[in-house]
């Protein structure tokens, strides 16, 4: 059975661990991204068709299809209702396991290697995913493998931390000593 591949164009990235894998609670290194797709995105039907074809190839007889299969195309309004970035959108959680699959390909708009210092959650990209089924005794489902990301443009960061330099200002030479900095200097000397 073949995977169904889709290149999603202009989606927003969240929970981005594409340059360095995240370590799961089981010690497994996994690359991942949540792909935020507006509900009116022109490729929504293409994604739904790819998911259905994946299911149909793995379980051709719907009567023999496992119960409780989850849809990898999830509704942000219901599953992430407290997160503004997911309002009016679907999302797909795509993963790639470092040990068995290696890292996803990461490029910029000019097809050059993407810089990990520049791209973050909140940015926009074209993303290639493979929909696949897994059929293990404990779990049978449809998943999305993170194959490649073409980073397109910056977006508002979704880190939730804001600008780390907020609250700082340029310090003039004469005014570098404040009561707080003098007390700190006295303490350390």
Protein backbone atom coordinates (compact mmCIF):
# COMPACT_ATOMS: atom_id res chain seq x y z
CA UNK A 1 0.00 0.00 0.00
CA UNK A 2 1.31 3.46 -0.93
CA UNK A 3 1.28 6.57 1.18
CA UNK A 4 -0.83 9.48 -0.03
CA UNK A 5 1.36 12.59 -0.35
CA UNK A 6 0.11 16.17 -0.28
CA UNK A 7 2.06 19.41 -0.46
CA UNK A 8 0.07 21.90 1.59
CA UNK A 9 0.70 25.45 0.39
CA UNK A 10 0.86 28.49 2.65
CA UNK A 11 0.02 26.87 5.98
CA UNK A 12 1.03 28.28 9.37
CA UNK A 13 3.39 26.32 11.58
CA UNK A 14 2.92 25.74 15.30
CA UNK A 15 4.70 23.51 17.83
CA UNK A 16 7.62 23.52 15.40
CA UNK A 17 10.38 21.01 16.16
CA UNK A 18 11.76 20.69 12.63
CA UNK A 19 15.40 21.66 13.14
CA UNK A 20 15.97 19.82 16.39
CA UNK A 21 13.80 16.88 17.46
CA UNK A 22 11.70 16.89 20.60
CA UNK A 23 12.35 14.05 23.04
CA UNK A 24 9.13 12.28 24.06
CA UNK A 25 8.45 10.98 27.56
CA UNK A 26 9.52 7.55 26.23
CA UNK A 27 12.92 8.94 25.16
CA UNK A 28 12.15 8.89 21.43
CA UNK A 29 13.41 11.78 19.30
CA UNK A 30 10.70 13.12 16.99
CA UNK A 31 10.56 16.02 14.57
CA UNK A 32 7.12 17.59 14.47
CA UNK A 33 4.93 20.47 13.42
CA UNK A 34 1.30 21.37 13.79
CA UNK A 35 0.05 22.61 10.41
CA UNK A 36 -2.68 25.23 10.78
CA UNK A 37 -4.94 25.28 7.72
CA UNK A 38 -7.77 27.83 7.34
CA UNK A 39 -11.12 26.08 6.90
CA UNK A 40 -11.58 27.86 3.56
CA UNK A 41 -8.12 26.78 2.30
CA UNK A 42 -8.41 25.51 -1.30
CA UNK A 43 -6.64 22.24 -0.44
CA UNK A 44 -8.97 21.06 2.35
CA UNK A 45 -10.84 18.70 -0.02
CA UNK A 46 -7.51 17.37 -1.37
CA UNK A 47 -6.42 16.54 2.19
CA UNK A 48 -9.74 14.84 2.98
CA UNK A 49 -9.46 12.77 -0.22
CA UNK A 50 -5.88 11.71 0.57
CA UNK A 51 -6.91 10.61 4.07
CA UNK A 52 -9.86 8.64 2.70
CA UNK A 53 -7.69 6.95 0.02
CA UNK A 54 -5.18 6.01 2.71
CA UNK A 55 -7.95 4.36 4.75
CA UNK A 56 -9.48 2.67 1.71
CA UNK A 57 -6.16 1.15 0.63
CA UNK A 58 -5.41 -0.19 4.11
CA UNK A 59 -8.93 -1.33 4.93
CA UNK A 60 -10.81 -1.78 1.62
CA UNK A 61 -13.84 -3.29 3.33
CA UNK A 62 -15.41 -0.56 5.52
CA UNK A 63 -17.11 -3.30 7.57
CA UNK A 64 -13.68 -4.62 8.60
CA UNK A 65 -12.22 -1.18 9.30
CA UNK A 66 -11.12 -0.74 12.93
CA UNK A 67 -13.46 1.23 15.15
CA UNK A 68 -12.46 4.63 16.47
CA UNK A 69 -10.08 5.74 13.74
CA UNK A 70 -9.15 9.36 14.26
CA UNK A 71 -9.03 11.90 11.48
CA UNK A 72 -5.58 13.53 11.23
CA UNK A 73 -7.36 16.66 9.90
CA UNK A 74 -8.65 18.06 13.19
CA UNK A 75 -10.93 21.01 13.97
CA UNK A 76 -9.13 23.86 15.74
CA UNK A 77 -12.41 25.47 16.85
CA UNK A 78 -13.30 22.44 18.96
CA UNK A 79 -9.93 20.90 19.90
CA UNK A 80 -7.98 24.13 20.47
CA UNK A 81 -10.79 26.56 21.28
CA UNK A 82 -8.62 28.51 23.75
CA UNK A 83 -5.88 29.14 21.17
CA UNK A 84 -6.48 32.16 18.93
CA UNK A 85 -4.13 30.79 16.22
CA UNK A 86 -6.44 27.80 15.64
CA UNK A 87 -9.75 29.69 15.34
CA UNK A 88 -11.46 29.14 12.00
CA UNK A 89 -8.89 26.51 11.07
CA UNK A 90 -8.19 22.83 10.77
CA UNK A 91 -4.84 21.44 11.85
CA UNK A 92 -2.70 18.37 11.23
CA UNK A 93 -0.08 17.11 13.66
CA UNK A 94 2.75 15.77 11.49
CA UNK A 95 5.66 13.79 12.95
CA UNK A 96 8.88 12.21 11.75
CA UNK A 97 10.87 9.84 13.95
CA UNK A 98 14.60 10.59 13.90
CA UNK A 99 15.78 7.02 14.41
CA UNK A 100 13.68 5.35 11.72
CA UNK A 101 12.96 8.16 9.26
CA UNK A 102 15.68 10.77 9.73
CA UNK A 103 15.12 14.51 9.64
CA UNK A 104 12.64 16.19 7.30
CA UNK A 105 14.06 18.23 4.42
CA UNK A 106 14.04 21.94 5.32
CA UNK A 107 14.44 24.61 2.64
CA UNK A 108 13.67 28.28 2.17
CA UNK A 109 11.70 29.93 -0.64
CA UNK A 110 14.79 29.86 -2.90
CA UNK A 111 15.27 26.10 -2.36
CA UNK A 112 18.34 26.68 -0.14
CA UNK A 113 18.81 25.01 3.26
CA UNK A 114 16.65 26.78 5.85
CA UNK A 115 18.31 28.51 8.80
CA UNK A 116 17.22 27.31 12.26
CA UNK A 117 17.96 30.75 13.72
CA UNK A 118 15.37 32.43 11.50
CA UNK A 119 12.26 30.20 11.37
CA UNK A 120 9.86 29.62 14.28
CA UNK A 121 6.34 28.66 15.25
CA UNK A 122 3.98 31.20 13.68
CA UNK A 123 5.78 31.33 10.32
CA UNK A 124 4.25 30.22 7.01
CA UNK A 125 5.40 27.38 4.76
CA UNK A 126 4.64 24.83 2.10
CA UNK A 127 4.70 21.42 3.78
CA UNK A 128 4.82 17.95 2.26
CA UNK A 129 3.12 15.28 4.33
CA UNK A 130 2.56 11.58 3.71
CA UNK A 131 -0.64 10.13 5.09
CA UNK A 132 -0.19 6.52 6.18
CA UNK A 133 -1.90 3.90 8.29
CA UNK A 134 -0.40 1.99 11.15
CA UNK A 135 -1.86 -1.29 12.15
CA UNK A 136 -0.46 -2.38 15.51
CA UNK A 137 -2.35 -4.58 17.96
CA UNK A 138 -2.62 -1.72 20.47
CA UNK A 139 -3.35 1.06 17.97
CA UNK A 140 -4.68 1.29 14.42
CA UNK A 141 -5.01 4.70 12.83
CA UNK A 142 -4.12 7.18 10.09
CA UNK A 143 -1.12 9.43 10.69
CA UNK A 144 0.76 12.20 8.91
CA UNK A 145 4.50 12.01 8.34
CA UNK A 146 6.43 15.29 8.09
CA UNK A 147 8.44 14.89 4.87
CA UNK A 148 9.66 18.39 3.95
CA UNK A 149 9.09 22.06 4.77
CA UNK A 150 9.65 25.00 2.45
CA UNK A 151 9.65 28.08 4.69
CA UNK A 152 7.98 31.03 2.96
CA UNK A 153 7.57 34.05 5.22
CA UNK A 154 7.63 35.21 8.81
CA UNK A 155 4.45 35.35 10.87
CA UNK A 156 3.65 36.57 14.35
CA UNK A 157 5.50 34.24 16.77
CA UNK A 158 3.39 31.64 18.54
CA UNK A 159 5.85 31.09 21.36
CA UNK A 160 3.72 32.81 23.99
CA UNK A 161 6.80 34.45 25.46
CA UNK A 162 6.81 37.79 23.64
CA UNK A 163 9.97 39.78 22.97
CA UNK A 164 12.65 38.78 25.50
CA UNK A 165 14.08 42.34 25.38
CA UNK A 166 10.84 44.06 26.40
CA UNK A 167 11.55 46.33 29.37
CA UNK A 168 15.18 47.03 28.45
CA UNK A 169 16.32 50.37 27.09
CA UNK A 170 19.58 51.86 25.88
CA UNK A 171 21.75 52.92 28.81
CA UNK A 172 23.81 56.12 28.59
CA UNK A 173 27.38 56.00 29.91
CA UNK A 174 26.82 58.46 32.81
CA UNK A 175 23.60 56.84 33.98
CA UNK A 176 24.83 53.25 34.01
CA UNK A 177 25.01 53.26 37.80
CA UNK A 178 21.61 53.09 39.44
CA UNK A 179 20.93 52.28 43.09
CA UNK A 180 20.14 48.69 42.00
CA UNK A 181 23.29 48.25 39.89
CA UNK A 182 25.45 49.84 42.63
CA UNK A 183 23.96 47.47 45.24
CA UNK A 184 24.57 44.52 42.90
CA UNK A 185 28.15 45.65 42.23
CA UNK A 186 28.78 46.02 45.98
CA UNK A 187 27.38 42.54 46.57
CA UNK A 188 29.62 40.90 43.93
CA UNK A 189 32.78 42.80 44.93
